[in-house]
């Protein structure tokens, strides 16, 4: 959603997810790696769910999978995947893949019935064999109750400080994306610990300016040289091929960095 510029997580395919999984697996050797099951890859049957989970591990290099719980069929899928020998993290509260029935990205657990459902669903996922549960966008008392009721860790995202652990989208917490589109979807619960996007924008503007005014690349960033003998031989070969203008350009380019170095040395 963040990386690909979608408004929701729904368009992401399994093949796209596998690309990201493999990239992470190549770079991260120590952490426990968990791959999300994309929407449409585990809802049809338990066989589909297990097959997708197997691909996430075998082709994606993940150690476990995460799926969004909430309905009995999702809990049944979680149980089947665990029984297939694959570790599973559940996900309750605001489940982004279910925004069609939730009416958008809306917090859950704000009334008695909804709060009880969050806790009961988390407990059902634990019973299905999940080793952890994500609690997203629920009031702190609901998260505290779920964490207390469960024997497995909870991971909070917009669920207050009473979960076993916390997670945020790192693009959000680093303030990487300053595009107006992203500003519309950055969640209220996310604290920006930096504004890396501003640094990126400033650097790109400076790069553009230096390319435009010709100061980049200068001599210090033009490191690959030809000795004068080879330049002369190259120029003669170009002339033999009838490329006189190209020969002149090569000769001028060979001389220009030396002139620039002399100017820089003199200014120092």
Protein backbone atom coordinates (compact mmCIF):
# COMPACT_ATOMS: atom_id res chain seq x y z
CA UNK A 1 0.00 0.00 0.00
CA UNK A 2 2.69 2.49 1.04
CA UNK A 3 5.42 1.31 -1.33
CA UNK A 4 3.21 0.77 -4.37
CA UNK A 5 1.01 3.85 -3.92
CA UNK A 6 -2.30 2.02 -3.52
CA UNK A 7 -5.11 3.43 -1.39
CA UNK A 8 -5.64 0.01 0.23
CA UNK A 9 -3.80 -3.29 0.66
CA UNK A 10 -6.33 -5.15 -1.50
CA UNK A 11 -4.61 -4.95 -4.92
CA UNK A 12 -1.38 -6.61 -3.75
CA UNK A 13 -0.86 -10.05 -5.27
CA UNK A 14 0.97 -13.07 -3.93
CA UNK A 15 3.68 -12.69 -6.58
CA UNK A 16 4.25 -9.07 -5.50
CA UNK A 17 4.42 -10.13 -1.86
CA UNK A 18 6.93 -12.85 -2.69
CA UNK A 19 9.23 -10.28 -4.33
CA UNK A 20 9.28 -8.26 -1.11
CA UNK A 21 9.70 -11.36 1.06
CA UNK A 22 12.72 -12.55 -0.92
CA UNK A 23 14.32 -9.09 -0.80
CA UNK A 24 13.95 -8.95 2.99
CA UNK A 25 15.16 -12.54 3.43
CA UNK A 26 18.35 -11.78 1.49
CA UNK A 27 19.20 -8.87 3.75
CA UNK A 28 17.89 -9.83 7.20
CA UNK A 29 19.55 -12.94 8.60
CA UNK A 30 18.86 -12.66 12.34
CA UNK A 31 15.21 -11.58 12.79
CA UNK A 32 12.15 -13.79 12.67
CA UNK A 33 10.69 -13.05 9.24
CA UNK A 34 6.91 -13.00 8.82
CA UNK A 35 5.11 -12.66 5.49
CA UNK A 36 1.52 -11.40 5.18
CA UNK A 37 -0.95 -13.47 3.20
CA UNK A 38 -2.41 -11.07 0.59
CA UNK A 39 -6.12 -10.61 0.14
CA UNK A 40 -7.61 -13.28 -2.10
CA UNK A 41 -4.96 -15.91 -1.44
CA UNK A 42 -6.41 -17.78 1.55
CA UNK A 43 -10.16 -17.16 1.77
CA UNK A 44 -11.49 -19.77 -0.68
CA UNK A 45 -10.52 -22.93 1.22
CA UNK A 46 -8.11 -24.30 3.77
CA UNK A 47 -6.20 -25.94 0.92
CA UNK A 48 -5.71 -22.55 -0.75
CA UNK A 49 -4.59 -21.06 2.57
CA UNK A 50 -2.04 -23.82 3.20
CA UNK A 51 -0.74 -23.67 -0.38
CA UNK A 52 -0.23 -19.91 -0.11
CA UNK A 53 1.50 -20.21 3.26
CA UNK A 54 3.82 -22.90 1.88
CA UNK A 55 4.83 -20.59 -0.98
CA UNK A 56 5.53 -17.74 1.44
CA UNK A 57 8.01 -19.99 3.28
CA UNK A 58 9.50 -21.92 0.36
CA UNK A 59 9.67 -19.17 -2.24
CA UNK A 60 9.71 -16.10 0.00
CA UNK A 61 12.21 -17.30 2.59
CA UNK A 62 9.94 -16.40 5.51
CA UNK A 63 9.86 -18.15 8.90
CA UNK A 64 6.14 -17.62 9.53
CA UNK A 65 3.04 -16.08 8.03
CA UNK A 66 0.45 -13.55 9.24
CA UNK A 67 -3.21 -13.60 8.33
CA UNK A 68 -6.10 -11.36 9.26
CA UNK A 69 -8.59 -13.08 11.55
CA UNK A 70 -12.14 -12.09 12.43
CA UNK A 71 -14.37 -14.61 10.71
CA UNK A 72 -14.66 -18.33 11.52
CA UNK A 73 -13.26 -19.21 8.09
CA UNK A 74 -10.09 -17.21 8.79
CA UNK A 75 -9.64 -18.97 12.12
CA UNK A 76 -10.15 -22.32 10.40
CA UNK A 77 -7.49 -21.30 7.85
CA UNK A 78 -5.08 -20.37 10.63
CA UNK A 79 -5.61 -23.77 12.27
CA UNK A 80 -5.02 -25.62 8.99
CA UNK A 81 -1.80 -23.71 8.33
CA UNK A 82 -0.51 -24.44 11.84
CA UNK A 83 -1.36 -28.10 11.40
CA UNK A 84 0.65 -28.05 8.17
CA UNK A 85 3.67 -27.13 10.28
CA UNK A 86 3.79 -23.40 9.62
CA UNK A 87 3.92 -20.78 12.38
CA UNK A 88 1.10 -18.22 12.23
CA UNK A 89 0.50 -14.74 13.62
CA UNK A 90 -3.14 -13.64 13.80
CA UNK A 91 -4.46 -10.12 13.32
CA UNK A 92 -7.60 -8.63 14.90
CA UNK A 93 -9.20 -5.22 15.38
CA UNK A 94 -8.94 -3.10 12.28
CA UNK A 95 -8.15 -5.65 9.57
CA UNK A 96 -7.24 -3.68 6.42
CA UNK A 97 -8.29 -6.46 4.06
CA UNK A 98 -11.84 -6.26 5.44
CA UNK A 99 -12.41 -2.52 4.93
CA UNK A 100 -15.27 -3.31 2.55
CA UNK A 101 -17.35 -4.69 5.42
CA UNK A 102 -15.85 -2.42 8.09
CA UNK A 103 -16.79 0.71 6.14
CA UNK A 104 -13.21 1.88 5.70
CA UNK A 105 -10.18 2.18 7.95
CA UNK A 106 -12.19 2.44 11.16
CA UNK A 107 -11.07 1.68 14.73
CA UNK A 108 -12.66 -1.40 16.28
CA UNK A 109 -13.62 -2.26 19.85
CA UNK A 110 -15.15 1.13 20.67
CA UNK A 111 -18.37 -0.30 22.08
CA UNK A 112 -19.06 -3.28 24.34
CA UNK A 113 -20.02 -5.77 21.63
CA UNK A 114 -17.11 -4.83 19.37
CA UNK A 115 -14.62 -4.88 22.26
CA UNK A 116 -15.73 -8.35 23.35
CA UNK A 117 -15.46 -9.56 19.76
CA UNK A 118 -11.84 -8.38 19.56
CA UNK A 119 -10.92 -10.32 22.70
CA UNK A 120 -12.86 -13.43 21.70
CA UNK A 121 -11.36 -13.47 18.21
CA UNK A 122 -7.86 -13.11 19.62
CA UNK A 123 -8.53 -16.03 21.96
CA UNK A 124 -9.90 -18.12 19.07
CA UNK A 125 -6.74 -17.46 17.07
CA UNK A 126 -4.67 -18.56 20.07
CA UNK A 127 -6.78 -21.73 20.29
CA UNK A 128 -6.14 -22.30 16.56
CA UNK A 129 -2.41 -22.39 17.30
CA UNK A 130 -1.23 -18.84 16.53
CA UNK A 131 1.94 -17.91 18.38
CA UNK A 132 1.15 -14.18 18.48
CA UNK A 133 -1.67 -11.76 17.62
CA UNK A 134 -1.54 -8.26 16.14
CA UNK A 135 -4.03 -5.81 17.69
CA UNK A 136 -4.69 -2.88 15.34
CA UNK A 137 -6.60 0.33 16.05
CA UNK A 138 -8.40 -0.66 19.22
CA UNK A 139 -8.79 1.32 22.48
CA UNK A 140 -6.10 0.74 25.11
CA UNK A 141 -8.47 -1.03 27.56
CA UNK A 142 -9.40 -3.55 24.86
CA UNK A 143 -5.75 -4.21 24.05
CA UNK A 144 -4.92 -4.55 27.75
CA UNK A 145 -7.76 -7.02 28.25
CA UNK A 146 -6.73 -9.10 25.23
CA UNK A 147 -3.09 -9.13 26.32
CA UNK A 148 -4.11 -10.25 29.80
CA UNK A 149 -6.47 -12.94 28.51
CA UNK A 150 -3.97 -14.47 26.11
CA UNK A 151 -0.98 -16.67 26.84
CA UNK A 152 0.74 -15.58 23.63
CA UNK A 153 2.28 -12.14 22.92
CA UNK A 154 0.28 -9.29 21.45
CA UNK A 155 1.76 -6.78 19.02
CA UNK A 156 0.09 -3.40 19.02
CA UNK A 157 -0.32 -0.91 16.21
CA UNK A 158 -2.54 1.96 17.24
CA UNK A 159 -3.60 -0.06 20.29
CA UNK A 160 -1.96 1.84 23.14
CA UNK A 161 0.93 0.91 25.44
CA UNK A 162 -0.40 -2.28 27.05
CA UNK A 163 0.51 -4.80 24.35
CA UNK A 164 3.48 -7.14 24.60
CA UNK A 165 5.22 -5.35 21.72
CA UNK A 166 4.73 -2.63 19.13
CA UNK A 167 4.99 -2.27 15.36
CA UNK A 168 4.74 0.63 12.91
CA UNK A 169 5.23 1.00 9.18
CA UNK A 170 8.78 2.32 9.00
CA UNK A 171 7.99 4.66 6.11
CA UNK A 172 5.53 6.36 8.46
CA UNK A 173 7.72 6.50 11.56
CA UNK A 174 10.67 7.85 9.56
CA UNK A 175 8.53 10.43 7.74
CA UNK A 176 9.89 9.16 4.44
CA UNK A 177 6.98 10.03 2.18
CA UNK A 178 5.91 13.66 2.00
CA UNK A 179 3.66 13.38 -1.06
CA UNK A 180 0.16 14.79 -0.41
CA UNK A 181 -1.36 11.38 -1.21
CA UNK A 182 0.59 9.80 1.61
CA UNK A 183 -0.36 12.55 4.04
CA UNK A 184 -4.00 11.53 3.57
CA UNK A 185 -3.37 7.94 4.68
CA UNK A 186 -0.76 8.36 7.43
CA UNK A 187 -2.56 7.07 10.53
CA UNK A 188 -3.22 9.26 13.56
CA UNK A 189 -1.48 6.81 15.90
CA UNK A 190 1.86 7.03 14.08
CA UNK A 191 4.56 9.21 15.61
CA UNK A 192 7.11 10.52 13.12
CA UNK A 193 10.50 10.03 14.74
CA UNK A 194 12.19 11.82 11.83
CA UNK A 195 11.36 13.63 8.61
CA UNK A 196 13.58 11.68 6.28
CA UNK A 197 11.39 12.66 3.33
CA UNK A 198 12.42 16.30 3.74
CA UNK A 199 16.08 15.29 3.68
CA UNK A 200 15.49 13.19 0.55
CA UNK A 201 13.65 16.02 -1.22
CA UNK A 202 16.39 18.54 -0.34
CA UNK A 203 19.11 16.21 -1.62
CA UNK A 204 17.27 15.54 -4.89
CA UNK A 205 16.73 19.27 -5.48
CA UNK A 206 20.44 19.95 -4.85
CA UNK A 207 21.36 17.16 -7.25
CA UNK A 208 19.07 18.59 -9.93
CA UNK A 209 20.52 22.07 -9.45
CA UNK A 210 24.13 20.90 -9.72
CA UNK A 211 23.40 18.84 -12.82
CA UNK A 212 21.58 21.80 -14.38
CA UNK A 213 24.36 24.31 -13.66
CA UNK A 214 27.09 21.86 -14.67
CA UNK A 215 28.92 21.66 -11.35
CA UNK A 216 28.17 17.93 -11.04
CA UNK A 217 29.90 15.75 -11.91
CA UNK A 218 33.13 17.65 -11.28
CA UNK A 219 36.71 16.34 -11.33
CA UNK A 220 36.41 14.52 -7.99
CA UNK A 221 33.46 12.54 -9.31
CA UNK A 222 35.00 11.82 -12.72
CA UNK A 223 37.59 9.30 -11.56
CA UNK A 224 38.19 7.15 -14.64
CA UNK A 225 41.10 8.36 -16.79
CA UNK A 226 42.83 7.54 -20.06
CA UNK A 227 46.53 8.25 -20.38
CA UNK A 228 47.43 10.85 -23.04
CA UNK A 229 48.80 8.21 -25.40
CA UNK A 230 45.50 6.29 -25.37
CA UNK A 231 43.49 9.48 -25.77
CA UNK A 232 45.54 10.35 -28.83
CA UNK A 233 45.18 6.85 -30.26
CA UNK A 234 41.43 6.87 -29.57
CA UNK A 235 41.10 10.24 -31.30
CA UNK A 236 42.94 8.99 -34.39
CA UNK A 237 40.72 5.91 -34.58
CA UNK A 238 37.64 8.10 -34.43
CA UNK A 239 39.01 10.28 -37.21
CA UNK A 240 39.75 7.17 -39.27
CA UNK A 241 36.10 6.23 -38.88
CA UNK A 242 35.08 9.65 -40.14
CA UNK A 243 33.95 10.81 -36.70
CA UNK A 244 35.88 14.07 -36.54
CA UNK A 245 33.42 15.79 -34.19
CA UNK A 246 33.56 12.83 -31.83
CA UNK A 247 37.38 12.96 -31.90
CA UNK A 248 37.30 16.65 -30.99
CA UNK A 249 34.81 15.98 -28.17
CA UNK A 250 37.06 13.25 -26.77
CA UNK A 251 40.14 15.53 -26.85
CA UNK A 252 38.26 18.37 -25.16
CA UNK A 253 36.89 16.03 -22.47
CA UNK A 254 40.41 14.79 -21.75
CA UNK A 255 41.66 18.34 -21.24
CA UNK A 256 38.65 19.79 -19.40
CA UNK A 257 39.05 17.88 -16.08
CA UNK A 258 42.68 19.00 -15.89
CA UNK A 259 41.61 22.63 -16.35
CA UNK A 260 38.98 22.24 -13.66
CA UNK A 261 41.52 20.71 -11.28
CA UNK A 262 43.85 23.66 -11.87
CA UNK A 263 41.02 26.11 -11.17
CA UNK A 264 40.06 24.27 -7.97
CA UNK A 265 43.68 24.13 -6.81
CA UNK A 266 44.11 27.82 -7.48
CA UNK A 267 40.94 28.76 -5.60
CA UNK A 268 42.15 26.82 -2.56
